[in-house]
Protein backbone atom coordinates (compact mmCIF):
# COMPACT_ATOMS: atom_id res chain seq x y z
CA UNK A 1 -21.95 -21.92 27.42
CA UNK A 2 -21.22 -25.14 28.20
CA UNK A 3 -24.52 -26.59 27.81
CA UNK A 4 -24.53 -24.91 24.11
CA UNK A 5 -21.09 -26.16 22.85
CA UNK A 6 -21.88 -29.67 24.48
CA UNK A 7 -25.35 -29.92 22.13
CA UNK A 8 -25.36 -31.90 19.61
CA UNK A 9 -25.42 -29.97 17.04
CA UNK A 10 -21.66 -28.73 17.80
CA UNK A 11 -20.85 -31.82 18.52
CA UNK A 12 -21.46 -33.68 15.30
CA UNK A 13 -21.62 -30.40 12.87
CA UNK A 14 -19.09 -28.56 14.59
CA UNK A 15 -19.28 -24.66 15.95
CA UNK A 16 -17.21 -21.17 15.67
CA UNK A 17 -16.58 -19.80 19.34
CA UNK A 18 -15.68 -16.09 19.69
CA UNK A 19 -13.65 -16.61 22.98
CA UNK A 20 -13.67 -12.84 23.70
CA UNK A 21 -11.07 -11.88 25.96
CA UNK A 22 -11.14 -15.40 28.05
CA UNK A 23 -7.98 -16.46 29.97
CA UNK A 24 -5.95 -19.76 30.71
CA UNK A 25 -8.33 -20.52 34.06
CA UNK A 26 -11.86 -19.77 32.05
CA UNK A 27 -10.83 -22.19 28.69
CA UNK A 28 -9.91 -24.86 31.56
CA UNK A 29 -13.24 -24.89 33.05
CA UNK A 30 -14.97 -24.48 29.53
CA UNK A 31 -12.83 -27.33 27.63
CA UNK A 32 -11.96 -29.67 30.93
CA UNK A 33 -13.70 -31.37 33.46
CA UNK A 34 -13.60 -33.81 36.65
CA UNK A 35 -13.56 -37.31 35.75
CA UNK A 36 -13.39 -40.38 38.87
CA UNK A 37 -9.99 -42.68 38.58
CA UNK A 38 -11.19 -45.83 39.15
CA UNK A 39 -9.89 -47.69 42.43
CA UNK A 40 -7.01 -49.95 42.75
CA UNK A 41 -6.65 -53.54 43.60
CA UNK A 42 -4.97 -51.96 46.78
CA UNK A 43 -7.24 -49.38 47.41
CA UNK A 44 -10.54 -51.44 47.14
CA UNK A 45 -8.47 -54.37 49.68
CA UNK A 46 -10.70 -54.24 52.89
CA UNK A 47 -9.66 -53.30 55.87
CA UNK A 48 -8.34 -55.89 58.80
CA UNK A 49 -10.13 -57.36 60.84
CA UNK A 50 -10.51 -54.74 63.91
CA UNK A 51 -8.92 -51.99 62.15
CA UNK A 52 -11.26 -48.92 62.10
CA UNK A 53 -10.00 -47.25 58.91
CA UNK A 54 -11.87 -44.74 56.90
CA UNK A 55 -12.76 -45.61 53.41
CA UNK A 56 -10.30 -44.44 50.72
CA UNK A 57 -11.74 -41.12 49.01
CA UNK A 58 -11.93 -41.27 45.71
CA UNK A 59 -9.32 -39.49 42.86
CA UNK A 60 -10.46 -36.76 40.98
CA UNK A 61 -8.50 -36.73 37.98
CA UNK A 62 -8.96 -33.35 35.13
CA UNK A 63 -9.47 -34.41 31.69
CA UNK A 64 -9.73 -32.99 28.19
CA UNK A 65 -12.96 -32.77 26.75
CA UNK A 66 -12.37 -34.11 23.45
CA UNK A 67 -16.07 -33.65 22.47
CA UNK A 68 -16.29 -29.75 22.92
CA UNK A 69 -12.74 -28.84 22.36
CA UNK A 70 -11.84 -26.87 19.40
CA UNK A 71 -9.79 -28.51 16.63
CA UNK A 72 -8.54 -25.54 15.37
CA UNK A 73 -7.87 -22.32 17.54
CA UNK A 74 -6.70 -18.82 15.89
CA UNK A 75 -6.08 -15.95 18.21
CA UNK A 76 -6.23 -12.71 16.44
CA UNK A 77 -3.79 -9.98 17.29
CA UNK A 78 -4.40 -5.69 16.71
CA UNK A 79 -2.71 -2.81 18.68
CA UNK A 80 -4.92 -1.17 20.92
CA UNK A 81 -6.11 1.44 18.77
CA UNK A 82 -6.96 -0.46 15.80
CA UNK A 83 -9.62 -2.43 18.81
CA UNK A 84 -10.81 0.86 19.69
CA UNK A 85 -12.03 1.69 16.69
CA UNK A 86 -13.32 -1.82 16.02
CA UNK A 87 -15.43 -1.33 19.11
CA UNK A 88 -16.48 2.07 18.51
CA UNK A 89 -17.63 0.72 14.87
CA UNK A 90 -19.42 -2.02 16.38
CA UNK A 91 -21.49 0.69 18.64
CA UNK A 92 -19.26 0.57 21.67
CA UNK A 93 -19.71 4.41 23.08
CA UNK A 94 -18.83 3.08 26.79
CA UNK A 95 -14.64 3.65 26.96
CA UNK A 96 -14.35 2.99 30.44
CA UNK A 97 -16.01 -0.63 29.61
CA UNK A 98 -13.57 -0.75 26.63
CA UNK A 99 -10.70 0.04 29.11
CA UNK A 100 -12.45 -2.36 31.45
CA UNK A 101 -12.08 -4.94 28.75
CA UNK A 102 -9.01 -4.60 27.35
CA UNK A 103 -7.48 -4.43 30.78
CA UNK A 104 -8.81 -7.86 31.77
CA UNK A 105 -7.45 -9.25 28.45
CA UNK A 106 -3.60 -8.29 29.19
CA UNK A 107 -4.20 -9.21 32.55
CA UNK A 108 -5.15 -13.08 31.24
CA UNK A 109 -3.61 -13.18 28.27
CA UNK A 110 -0.45 -10.92 28.14
CA UNK A 111 1.62 -10.54 31.40
CA UNK A 112 4.68 -12.55 31.27
CA UNK A 113 4.37 -14.46 34.66
CA UNK A 114 0.66 -15.42 33.64
CA UNK A 115 -0.76 -18.62 31.69
CA UNK A 116 -2.67 -17.20 29.02
CA UNK A 117 -5.25 -18.70 26.67
CA UNK A 118 -2.58 -20.10 23.73
CA UNK A 119 -0.54 -21.69 27.26
CA UNK A 120 -3.60 -24.01 27.44
CA UNK A 121 -4.47 -24.69 23.91
CA UNK A 122 -0.68 -25.43 23.05
CA UNK A 123 0.19 -26.90 26.34
CA UNK A 124 -2.86 -28.73 28.14
CA UNK A 125 -4.84 -29.35 24.88
CA UNK A 126 -1.82 -30.15 22.60
CA UNK A 127 -3.86 -27.72 19.71
CA UNK A 128 -2.22 -26.02 17.23
CA UNK A 129 -2.65 -22.37 17.49
CA UNK A 130 -2.33 -19.73 14.57
CA UNK A 131 -1.44 -16.27 15.85
CA UNK A 132 -3.38 -14.02 13.19
CA UNK A 133 -2.57 -10.26 13.06
CA UNK A 134 -5.35 -8.16 11.65
CA UNK A 135 -3.38 -4.85 10.98
CA UNK A 136 -3.62 -3.82 7.48
CA UNK A 137 -5.26 -6.99 6.08
CA UNK A 138 -8.80 -6.85 4.75
CA UNK A 139 -11.41 -9.38 5.64
CA UNK A 140 -10.57 -11.63 2.20
CA UNK A 141 -6.77 -11.93 3.35
CA UNK A 142 -8.18 -12.96 6.98
CA UNK A 143 -10.42 -15.78 5.81
CA UNK A 144 -7.89 -16.99 3.59
CA UNK A 145 -5.29 -17.28 6.27
CA UNK A 146 -7.89 -18.81 8.30
CA UNK A 147 -8.72 -21.51 5.77
CA UNK A 148 -5.21 -22.42 5.15
CA UNK A 149 -4.71 -23.42 8.79
CA UNK A 150 -7.84 -25.07 8.91
CA UNK A 151 -7.39 -26.86 5.88
CA UNK A 152 -3.65 -27.88 6.41
CA UNK A 153 -5.00 -31.64 7.47
CA UNK A 154 -7.24 -32.05 5.26
CA UNK A 155 -10.44 -30.53 3.72
CA UNK A 156 -13.47 -30.66 6.25
CA UNK A 157 -16.41 -32.53 4.96
CA UNK A 158 -19.03 -31.20 6.54
CA UNK A 159 -21.11 -29.45 3.50
CA UNK A 160 -18.44 -26.22 2.70
CA UNK A 161 -18.75 -25.29 -0.63
CA UNK A 162 -16.30 -26.81 -3.33
CA UNK A 163 -12.55 -25.79 -4.03
CA UNK A 164 -13.49 -24.25 -7.39
CA UNK A 165 -16.85 -22.78 -6.14
CA UNK A 166 -14.54 -20.92 -3.09
CA UNK A 167 -11.83 -19.94 -6.22
CA UNK A 168 -14.62 -18.66 -8.17
CA UNK A 169 -16.36 -16.74 -5.33
CA UNK A 170 -12.57 -15.09 -4.43
CA UNK A 171 -12.22 -14.22 -8.00
CA UNK A 172 -15.65 -12.49 -8.56
CA UNK A 173 -15.00 -10.94 -5.14
CA UNK A 174 -11.75 -9.29 -6.51
CA UNK A 175 -13.04 -8.28 -9.47
CA UNK A 176 -15.60 -6.49 -7.77
CA UNK A 177 -13.51 -5.17 -5.72
CA UNK A 178 -11.06 -3.80 -8.70
CA UNK A 179 -14.36 -2.42 -10.98
CA UNK A 180 -15.45 -0.46 -7.69
CA UNK A 181 -11.80 0.77 -7.31
CA UNK A 182 -11.57 1.82 -11.17
CA UNK A 183 -15.44 3.69 -10.67
CA UNK A 184 -14.44 5.67 -7.73
CA UNK A 185 -11.17 6.29 -9.88
CA UNK A 186 -13.03 7.55 -12.68
CA UNK A 187 -15.56 9.54 -10.78
CA UNK A 188 -12.33 10.74 -8.82
CA UNK A 189 -10.80 12.11 -12.28
CA UNK A 190 -13.89 13.39 -13.97
CA UNK A 191 -14.44 15.16 -10.25
CA UNK A 192 -11.19 16.85 -10.66
CA UNK A 193 -11.56 17.66 -14.56
CA UNK A 194 -14.45 19.34 -13.30
CA UNK A 195 -12.61 21.82 -10.30
CA UNK A 196 -9.74 21.99 -13.50
CA UNK A 197 -12.41 23.45 -15.64
CA UNK A 198 -13.87 25.65 -13.22
CA UNK A 199 -10.36 27.18 -12.25
CA UNK A 200 -9.61 27.61 -15.67
CA UNK A 201 -13.02 29.41 -16.29
CA UNK A 202 -12.61 31.89 -13.17
CA UNK A 203 -8.99 32.52 -14.21
CA UNK A 204 -9.78 33.63 -17.56
CA UNK A 205 -12.77 36.25 -15.62
CA UNK A 206 -9.93 37.29 -13.57
CA UNK A 207 -7.85 37.75 -16.13
CA UNK A 208 -10.49 39.82 -18.17
CA UNK A 209 -11.11 41.92 -14.92
CA UNK A 210 -7.61 42.73 -14.54
CA UNK A 211 -7.11 43.50 -18.15
CA UNK A 212 -9.80 45.88 -17.79
CA UNK A 213 -8.56 47.59 -14.82
CA UNK A 214 -5.37 47.88 -16.44
CA UNK A 215 -6.70 49.68 -19.23
CA UNK A 216 -8.96 51.90 -16.70
CA UNK A 217 -5.80 52.77 -15.43
CA UNK A 218 -3.80 53.30 -18.24
CA UNK A 219 -6.06 55.84 -19.83
CA UNK A 220 -6.13 57.56 -16.42
CA UNK A 221 -2.68 57.87 -16.41
CA UNK A 222 -2.48 59.32 -19.81
CA UNK A 223 -5.32 62.02 -18.84
CA UNK A 224 -2.86 62.93 -16.01
CA UNK A 225 -0.21 63.58 -18.05
CA UNK A 226 -2.18 65.57 -20.80
CA UNK A 227 -1.44 69.15 -20.55
CA UNK A 228 -4.40 71.53 -18.82
CA UNK A 229 -5.32 73.60 -22.18
CA UNK A 230 -5.34 70.56 -24.31
CA UNK A 231 -7.22 68.24 -21.57
CA UNK A 232 -9.79 71.21 -21.65
CA UNK A 233 -9.81 71.71 -25.71
CA UNK A 234 -10.45 68.23 -25.95
CA UNK A 235 -12.56 67.28 -23.21
CA UNK A 236 -14.66 70.08 -22.14
CA UNK A 237 -14.85 72.97 -24.64
CA UNK A 238 -17.11 70.75 -27.40
CA UNK A 239 -19.57 70.09 -24.25
CA UNK A 240 -19.23 74.21 -23.23
CA UNK A 241 -20.01 75.05 -26.94
CA UNK A 242 -22.70 73.11 -27.67
CA UNK A 243 -23.88 74.25 -24.50
CA UNK A 244 -23.64 77.38 -24.75
CA UNK A 245 -25.40 77.43 -28.54
CA UNK A 246 -28.25 74.93 -26.72
CA UNK A 247 -28.60 78.04 -24.70
CA UNK A 248 -29.09 80.73 -27.08
CA UNK A 249 -31.65 78.52 -28.71
CA UNK A 250 -33.76 77.72 -25.87
CA UNK A 251 -33.25 81.12 -24.37
CA UNK A 252 -34.29 79.43 -20.88
CA UNK A 253 -35.57 81.66 -17.51
CA UNK A 254 -32.21 80.82 -15.83
CA UNK A 255 -29.69 79.79 -18.47
CA UNK A 256 -26.66 78.51 -15.69
CA UNK A 257 -28.73 75.93 -14.15
CA UNK A 258 -29.77 75.10 -17.73
CA UNK A 259 -25.96 74.59 -18.93
CA UNK A 260 -25.38 73.03 -15.98
CA UNK A 261 -27.70 70.20 -16.36
CA UNK A 262 -26.69 70.28 -19.94
CA UNK A 263 -23.04 69.46 -19.71
CA UNK A 264 -23.97 66.92 -16.65
CA UNK A 265 -26.29 65.20 -19.49
CA UNK A 266 -23.73 65.05 -22.03
CA UNK A 267 -20.73 64.57 -19.99
CA UNK A 268 -20.64 61.04 -21.28
CA UNK A 269 -20.34 61.81 -24.94
CA UNK A 270 -17.24 62.73 -24.35
CA UNK A 271 -15.36 59.47 -23.44
CA UNK A 272 -11.98 60.26 -22.10
């Protein structure tokens, strides 16, 4: 990684580094280096004659590599549940690996008695750090917050789109988002209307069935309330009389069976 960010492309055109879960020590190794401090006149003075003195060891000093150290630092903040969801959305299936990385990050950056990554950039590199919560924000909001932070010292001249182009792009994306939301709302409303129409039709069919049942029960109740003589005279005697007349006309070999079959066939003629 040191070789990559030290390349001419990164040095002169800039870079975006996803530092992952590194802490203070990893950042110190990545953005600082050892420099041999020139000896002072006293250190360079030759030892006195006859003295067998060892040469003074070189002095080493840790310095910040200004060419590779980032100018802007953004630390995203999210609850563990959201981090877990992002991990799964990116294809992560090994939850033990996730827990291992999460614990390593907590140990390196969220422990009170340990210097964190933010401490390195603020105290050692003297760089401003933006703590950016991501919960409840969409990609556009996060990008806009990062843009404002980066452009706080002036817009960088590295072939980025102009402010008008950025504003136009934001407006277009918002319009597309609004249009998509309207389309989804219309589809949901249409679906609800269809569901309501189906429910109304089913209710009508149900009401029709209940009305038929009620009419049948009312007819049955009316029959049960009729006296036996009246019931027989109204529903039995006419069919029986017609059957006897038919028997007299046909003169079958078995009049009883013939009469029974006749009454059965013409039972629907007398609709109670």
